[in-house]
Amino acid sequence: MSPQPFEVPTVDIGPYVHGGSADERARVARAIDEACTRVGFVQILGHGIPDAVIEGLASAVDDFFGLPMETKQHYRVVGANRGYSPPKSESLSLSLGVESASRMNDFFEAYNVGTEARSFPDLDLSEDDYGLNLWPDVTGFEDRVLAYYDEAGRVARTLTRIFADALGQPSTFFADLTDHSIDVLRMNNYALPEGAVNLDGDLTGMGAHTDFGIVTVLWADRVAGLQVLGGDGLWHDVAPLPGALLVNLGDLTARITDDRWMSTMHRVKPPIVDGRIQRRRSVAYFHDGNVDATISTLPEYAGPEPYEPIVVRDHIKAKLAGSRHGKANTAAVREAARVRAAVGESRP
């Protein structure tokens, strides 16, 4: 029997967004379970984000990344997951403890904003774990980005309600882990100049990695570049359908299910079509969980050697130390084994 062709399933989550019947929601939960079990990536329709909000986000991204590099550099924030990251300042593969095969950092620039500790005045939280936002002096940027941030957060919380149903858990299961979640919106611009290119090596737009938290909601241009590691050990190109958002699971959800639901490996290669680099933008909303939450494998999904419990703060810190500070994450044993297998490496 020939292997099943790779595809990212498409699920309309409208029944959860617009108050569908119990049967309609059950069908959505089953479809999400199947997608998360088989692929770990899913395209969602029916998410309810207005086109005008997405268009505002895209224009805000264009306005900021169109600034001169000298201006953008003023918005770098040392030691926090906020502000501007210039090209080649990060290596996402090191978040897994794996050095990039090309020995080159990632060819993307990014701008991060997110939830602040002061958003939860009744809790004794530290901005060291969250971060203060730095808003660039670009007309309307903050308003346009926050409009999308609020919508993407709503979608992420809707997805975790679906996840709870799909895993047979109480409806509040994920809500209890995310009521003061570390959430980050990362706006990415793949910064190789557009035009003809002669490749002399294996260039990387964003290195092979898994996402850190519970779930990621991704808006992206319909331009080649994103690749997902399939169960066949091969990299497959993925682009969103018109109007769709891409959703993938993070490491913490994989831990909760003991890899029944996988935090799927993905990367971005420079978007080259017919020998020419094309511009590509993406915006990822990372829903990562409460900083002080302990993530444990659900007993009904635990195998003979389940993941050890881990505090969200410690997990995120180790991941960021890899990607931003070049310190290989030695705790990402399962994820690192998968990426090494994908690129044919045998070193321990």
Protein backbone atom coordinates (compact mmCIF):
# COMPACT_ATOMS: atom_id res chain seq x y z
CA MET A 1 0.00 0.00 0.00
CA SER A 2 1.41 3.41 -0.98
CA PRO A 3 1.84 5.97 1.84
CA GLN A 4 -0.94 8.49 2.39
CA PRO A 5 -0.11 11.80 0.66
CA PHE A 6 0.88 14.57 3.06
CA GLU A 7 -1.68 17.27 3.62
CA VAL A 8 -2.53 19.78 6.31
CA PRO A 9 -6.19 19.14 7.20
CA THR A 10 -8.69 21.98 6.99
CA VAL A 11 -11.27 22.38 9.77
CA ASP A 12 -14.07 24.95 9.99
CA ILE A 13 -14.29 25.91 13.67
CA GLY A 14 -17.38 28.06 13.10
CA PRO A 15 -19.62 25.96 15.37
CA TYR A 16 -17.41 26.95 18.34
CA VAL A 17 -17.18 30.58 17.24
CA HIS A 18 -20.85 31.15 16.41
CA GLY A 19 -22.63 28.85 18.87
CA GLY A 20 -23.26 25.72 16.84
CA SER A 21 -25.11 22.67 18.10
CA ALA A 22 -23.53 20.02 20.31
CA ASP A 23 -23.35 17.65 17.35
CA GLU A 24 -21.64 20.28 15.19
CA ARG A 25 -19.09 21.02 17.91
CA ALA A 26 -18.46 17.29 18.39
CA ARG A 27 -17.67 16.94 14.69
CA VAL A 28 -15.19 19.82 14.95
CA ALA A 29 -13.53 18.26 18.02
CA ARG A 30 -13.16 14.92 16.24
CA ALA A 31 -11.66 16.60 13.19
CA ILE A 32 -9.19 18.53 15.35
CA ASP A 33 -8.22 15.35 17.21
CA GLU A 34 -7.55 13.57 13.93
CA ALA A 35 -5.49 16.48 12.58
CA CYS A 36 -3.46 16.87 15.77
CA THR A 37 -2.80 13.14 15.96
CA ARG A 38 -1.81 12.71 12.32
CA VAL A 39 -0.07 15.99 11.42
CA GLY A 40 0.08 18.49 14.30
CA PHE A 41 -0.75 21.27 11.84
CA VAL A 42 -4.25 22.33 10.78
CA GLN A 43 -5.77 25.05 8.64
CA ILE A 44 -8.78 26.68 10.22
CA LEU A 45 -11.68 28.45 8.59
CA GLY A 46 -14.64 30.05 10.33
CA HIS A 47 -12.32 31.77 12.83
CA GLY A 48 -14.29 35.01 12.68
CA ILE A 49 -11.44 37.51 12.37
CA PRO A 50 -12.70 40.34 10.14
CA ASP A 51 -10.83 40.92 6.89
CA ALA A 52 -10.33 44.56 7.86
CA VAL A 53 -8.43 43.54 11.00
CA ILE A 54 -6.11 41.25 9.01
CA GLU A 55 -5.58 43.94 6.39
CA GLY A 56 -4.71 46.39 9.17
CA LEU A 57 -2.18 43.96 10.59
CA ALA A 58 -0.55 43.43 7.19
CA SER A 59 -0.25 47.16 6.60
CA ALA A 60 1.28 47.66 10.06
CA VAL A 61 3.87 44.97 9.30
CA ASP A 62 4.68 46.67 6.01
CA ASP A 63 4.99 50.09 7.63
CA PHE A 64 7.44 48.93 10.29
CA PHE A 65 9.67 46.65 8.25
CA GLY A 66 9.81 49.27 5.51
CA LEU A 67 11.71 51.59 7.85
CA PRO A 68 15.48 52.05 7.43
CA MET A 69 17.56 49.49 9.35
CA GLU A 70 19.09 52.28 11.43
CA THR A 71 15.61 53.25 12.64
CA LYS A 72 14.53 49.67 13.33
CA GLN A 73 17.66 49.03 15.40
CA HIS A 74 16.45 51.64 17.91
CA TYR A 75 13.71 49.18 18.92
CA ARG A 76 15.96 46.33 20.01
CA VAL A 77 15.30 45.21 23.60
CA VAL A 78 18.12 43.42 25.40
CA GLY A 79 17.20 40.40 27.52
CA ALA A 80 13.47 40.36 26.80
CA ASN A 81 11.27 38.67 24.23
CA ARG A 82 10.11 42.05 22.95
CA GLY A 83 10.95 44.54 20.27
CA TYR A 84 13.01 44.18 17.11
CA SER A 85 15.27 41.30 16.09
CA PRO A 86 17.39 41.98 13.00
CA PRO A 87 18.29 39.35 10.40
CA LYS A 88 20.76 36.67 11.52
CA SER A 89 20.33 37.51 15.21
CA GLU A 90 18.61 34.24 16.09
CA SER A 91 19.04 30.52 15.47
CA LEU A 92 15.79 28.68 16.03
CA SER A 93 17.34 25.24 15.66
CA LEU A 94 19.33 25.85 18.86
CA SER A 95 16.04 25.97 20.77
CA LEU A 96 16.14 22.20 20.14
CA GLY A 97 19.83 21.84 20.92
CA VAL A 98 20.64 21.26 17.23
CA GLU A 99 23.11 23.39 15.30
CA SER A 100 21.86 24.49 11.89
CA ALA A 101 23.29 22.35 9.07
CA SER A 102 24.32 25.53 7.24
CA ARG A 103 25.96 26.97 10.39
CA MET A 104 24.11 30.18 9.62
CA ASN A 105 21.61 32.04 11.73
CA ASP A 106 18.13 32.67 10.41
CA PHE A 107 17.46 35.13 7.59
CA PHE A 108 14.43 36.83 9.07
CA GLU A 109 13.72 39.98 11.00
CA ALA A 110 10.98 40.14 13.60
CA TYR A 111 9.09 42.39 15.96
CA ASN A 112 7.56 41.05 19.17
CA VAL A 113 4.82 42.37 21.42
CA GLY A 114 2.80 40.47 23.99
CA THR A 115 0.95 40.22 27.25
CA GLU A 116 2.52 42.16 30.11
CA ALA A 117 2.59 41.15 33.77
CA ARG A 118 0.80 44.37 34.65
CA SER A 119 -2.18 43.09 32.64
CA PHE A 120 -2.91 40.98 35.77
CA PRO A 121 -2.79 43.52 38.64
CA ASP A 122 -4.26 41.07 41.17
CA LEU A 123 -1.37 38.62 40.68
CA ASP A 124 2.21 38.93 41.89
CA LEU A 125 3.86 38.53 38.49
CA SER A 126 7.20 39.78 37.21
CA GLU A 127 7.85 41.54 33.93
CA ASP A 128 11.04 39.47 33.80
CA ASP A 129 8.79 36.58 32.80
CA TYR A 130 6.56 38.59 30.47
CA GLY A 131 8.15 41.80 29.18
CA LEU A 132 7.10 45.38 28.60
CA ASN A 133 6.00 46.29 25.10
CA LEU A 134 7.94 48.82 23.09
CA TRP A 135 5.78 50.40 20.42
CA PRO A 136 7.52 51.93 17.40
CA ASP A 137 6.80 55.49 16.40
CA VAL A 138 4.75 54.46 13.36
CA THR A 139 1.36 56.08 12.90
CA GLY A 140 -1.43 53.68 13.86
CA PHE A 141 0.91 50.71 14.36
CA GLU A 142 -0.10 49.98 17.95
CA ASP A 143 -3.84 50.21 17.26
CA ARG A 144 -3.68 47.99 14.18
CA VAL A 145 -1.52 45.36 15.86
CA LEU A 146 -3.57 45.29 19.07
CA ALA A 147 -6.80 44.86 17.09
CA TYR A 148 -5.37 41.69 15.58
CA TYR A 149 -3.74 40.61 18.86
CA ASP A 150 -7.12 40.58 20.60
CA GLU A 151 -8.71 38.57 17.79
CA ALA A 152 -5.87 36.06 17.62
CA GLY A 153 -6.08 35.58 21.40
CA ARG A 154 -9.78 34.86 21.08
CA VAL A 155 -9.05 32.27 18.40
CA ALA A 156 -6.34 30.65 20.54
CA ARG A 157 -8.72 30.35 23.50
CA THR A 158 -11.42 28.93 21.24
CA LEU A 159 -8.96 26.32 20.03
CA THR A 160 -8.05 25.27 23.55
CA ARG A 161 -11.75 24.78 24.33
CA ILE A 162 -11.89 22.51 21.30
CA PHE A 163 -8.73 20.75 22.48
CA ALA A 164 -10.30 20.04 25.87
CA ASP A 165 -13.34 18.45 24.20
CA ALA A 166 -11.17 16.50 21.77
CA LEU A 167 -9.09 15.06 24.61
CA GLY A 168 -12.11 14.24 26.76
CA GLN A 169 -11.19 16.77 29.45
CA PRO A 170 -13.34 19.27 31.39
CA SER A 171 -14.04 22.38 29.37
CA THR A 172 -11.89 24.45 31.77
CA PHE A 173 -8.81 22.20 31.50
CA PHE A 174 -6.73 24.55 29.36
CA ALA A 175 -8.35 27.68 30.76
CA ASP A 176 -6.91 26.76 34.16
CA LEU A 177 -3.42 26.64 32.59
CA THR A 178 -3.78 29.88 30.61
CA ASP A 179 -5.72 32.46 32.64
CA HIS A 180 -2.55 34.59 32.88
CA SER A 181 -0.77 33.10 29.91
CA ILE A 182 2.51 34.32 28.45
CA ASP A 183 1.26 35.26 24.99
CA VAL A 184 3.49 36.77 22.31
CA LEU A 185 2.72 38.12 18.85
CA ARG A 186 5.72 37.79 16.54
CA MET A 187 5.69 39.64 13.22
CA ASN A 188 8.21 38.17 10.76
CA ASN A 189 9.68 39.53 7.56
CA TYR A 190 11.99 37.34 5.49
CA ALA A 191 14.64 39.86 4.78
CA LEU A 192 16.72 38.57 1.89
CA PRO A 193 16.39 41.24 -0.82
CA GLU A 194 13.92 40.39 -3.55
CA GLY A 195 15.26 39.49 -7.00
CA ALA A 196 17.37 36.92 -8.80
CA VAL A 197 19.62 34.70 -6.70
CA ASN A 198 22.37 32.16 -7.30
CA LEU A 199 22.42 29.73 -4.38
CA ASP A 200 25.86 28.70 -3.14
CA GLY A 201 24.69 26.88 -0.03
CA ASP A 202 21.74 25.81 2.08
CA LEU A 203 20.22 29.13 3.08
CA THR A 204 17.73 29.12 5.92
CA GLY A 205 14.92 31.61 6.44
CA MET A 206 14.03 30.16 9.84
CA GLY A 207 15.67 27.01 11.16
CA ALA A 208 13.90 23.76 11.97
CA HIS A 209 12.11 24.07 15.29
CA THR A 210 9.03 23.25 17.28
CA ASP A 211 6.98 25.94 18.94
CA PHE A 212 7.37 26.36 22.66
CA GLY A 213 3.94 26.58 24.22
CA ILE A 214 0.40 25.25 23.89
CA VAL A 215 -0.83 26.44 20.50
CA THR A 216 0.26 28.84 17.76
CA VAL A 217 -2.10 30.75 15.48
CA LEU A 218 -0.34 31.84 12.28
CA TRP A 219 -1.31 34.34 9.61
CA ALA A 220 0.98 34.12 6.60
CA ASP A 221 1.29 35.27 3.04
CA ARG A 222 0.36 32.69 0.44
CA VAL A 223 4.00 32.53 -0.65
CA ALA A 224 6.21 29.45 -0.68
CA GLY A 225 8.61 29.01 2.22
CA LEU A 226 6.96 27.28 5.18
CA GLN A 227 7.80 23.58 5.35
CA VAL A 228 6.43 20.97 7.75
CA LEU A 229 8.17 17.72 8.69
CA GLY A 230 5.81 14.86 7.87
CA GLY A 231 5.59 11.43 9.41
CA ASP A 232 7.44 10.16 6.35
CA GLY A 233 10.53 12.08 7.48
CA LEU A 234 10.31 14.48 4.53
CA TRP A 235 9.80 18.23 4.43
CA HIS A 236 6.55 19.35 2.79
CA ASP A 237 5.62 22.82 1.54
CA VAL A 238 2.60 24.41 3.22
CA ALA A 239 0.71 27.56 2.29
CA PRO A 240 -2.60 28.74 3.77
CA LEU A 241 -5.83 28.56 1.83
CA PRO A 242 -7.55 31.88 1.10
CA GLY A 243 -8.98 33.20 4.36
CA ALA A 244 -7.44 30.42 6.46
CA LEU A 245 -5.15 30.60 9.45
CA LEU A 246 -2.54 27.94 10.12
CA VAL A 247 -2.51 26.37 13.58
CA ASN A 248 0.15 24.18 15.09
CA LEU A 249 0.71 22.62 18.47
CA GLY A 250 3.52 23.54 20.81
CA ASP A 251 5.79 21.43 22.99
CA LEU A 252 3.62 21.80 26.08
CA THR A 253 0.60 20.24 24.39
CA ALA A 254 2.82 17.41 23.19
CA ARG A 255 3.87 16.91 26.80
CA ILE A 256 0.25 16.89 28.00
CA THR A 257 -0.59 14.11 25.52
CA ASP A 258 2.81 12.33 25.70
CA ASP A 259 3.26 12.99 21.96
CA ARG A 260 -0.11 11.57 20.95
CA TRP A 261 -0.51 15.12 19.66
CA MET A 262 2.84 16.19 18.23
CA SER A 263 4.56 19.56 18.30
CA THR A 264 5.40 19.27 14.63
CA MET A 265 8.80 20.32 13.34
CA HIS A 266 8.71 23.15 10.84
CA ARG A 267 11.07 25.59 9.15
CA VAL A 268 11.11 28.36 6.57
CA LYS A 269 13.31 28.18 3.52
CA PRO A 270 13.92 31.35 1.53
CA PRO A 271 10.87 31.79 -0.71
CA ILE A 272 12.49 31.27 -4.12
CA VAL A 273 10.23 30.83 -7.14
CA ASP A 274 11.73 30.37 -10.61
CA GLY A 275 15.12 31.46 -9.32
CA ARG A 276 13.85 34.65 -7.74
CA ILE A 277 13.45 35.48 -4.06
CA GLN A 278 9.95 36.60 -3.15
CA ARG A 279 9.03 38.59 -0.08
CA ARG A 280 7.24 36.64 2.64
CA ARG A 281 5.53 37.85 5.81
CA SER A 282 4.03 35.91 8.69
CA VAL A 283 2.57 36.77 12.09
CA ALA A 284 2.47 34.14 14.83
CA TYR A 285 0.41 34.37 18.01
CA PHE A 286 2.00 32.10 20.62
CA HIS A 287 -0.35 30.99 23.43
CA ASP A 288 2.20 29.59 25.87
CA GLY A 289 0.48 29.07 29.23
CA ASN A 290 0.73 30.52 32.72
CA VAL A 291 4.29 31.26 33.77
CA ASP A 292 3.81 29.37 37.05
CA ALA A 293 1.80 26.43 35.68
CA THR A 294 3.22 22.93 35.95
CA ILE A 295 2.64 20.92 32.79
CA SER A 296 2.23 17.18 33.29
CA THR A 297 1.17 14.35 31.03
CA LEU A 298 -2.48 13.33 31.40
CA PRO A 299 -2.56 9.86 33.03
CA GLU A 300 -4.80 8.42 30.31
CA TYR A 301 -2.24 9.33 27.64
CA ALA A 302 0.96 8.50 29.52
CA GLY A 303 3.20 5.86 27.97
CA PRO A 304 5.86 3.83 29.77
CA GLU A 305 8.25 6.80 29.90
CA PRO A 306 6.14 9.97 29.98
CA TYR A 307 7.57 13.46 30.06
CA GLU A 308 8.69 14.76 33.42
CA PRO A 309 6.51 17.60 34.77
CA ILE A 310 7.88 21.02 33.88
CA VAL A 311 7.09 24.59 34.92
CA VAL A 312 6.20 26.83 31.97
CA ARG A 313 8.72 29.48 33.08
CA ASP A 314 11.60 26.98 33.00
CA HIS A 315 10.58 25.53 29.65
CA ILE A 316 10.25 28.90 27.92
CA LYS A 317 13.51 30.16 29.44
CA ALA A 318 15.46 27.17 28.07
CA LYS A 319 13.92 27.57 24.63
CA LEU A 320 14.67 31.29 24.40
CA ALA A 321 18.21 30.74 25.65
CA GLY A 322 18.73 28.55 22.61
CA SER A 323 17.16 30.70 19.93
CA ARG A 324 18.27 34.14 21.13
CA HIS A 325 21.45 33.53 23.10
CA GLY A 326 23.03 30.56 21.32
CA LYS A 327 22.85 28.18 24.28
CA ALA A 328 21.79 24.74 23.07
CA ASN A 329 18.70 23.42 24.84
CA THR A 330 19.80 20.07 26.25
CA ALA A 331 16.30 19.31 27.58
CA ALA A 332 14.70 19.04 24.11
CA VAL A 333 15.72 15.41 23.65
CA ARG A 334 12.71 14.08 21.72
CA GLU A 335 12.41 17.11 19.44
CA ALA A 336 16.15 17.14 18.69
CA ALA A 337 16.07 13.45 17.76
CA ARG A 338 13.34 14.14 15.23
CA VAL A 339 15.13 17.00 13.51
CA ARG A 340 18.40 15.06 13.38
CA ALA A 341 16.61 12.12 11.82
CA ALA A 342 15.04 14.44 9.24
CA VAL A 343 18.39 15.81 8.09
CA GLY A 344 20.13 12.45 8.29
CA GLU A 345 22.39 13.26 11.20
CA SER A 346 23.62 10.51 13.50
CA ARG A 347 25.65 12.41 16.06
CA PRO A 348 24.29 12.20 19.66
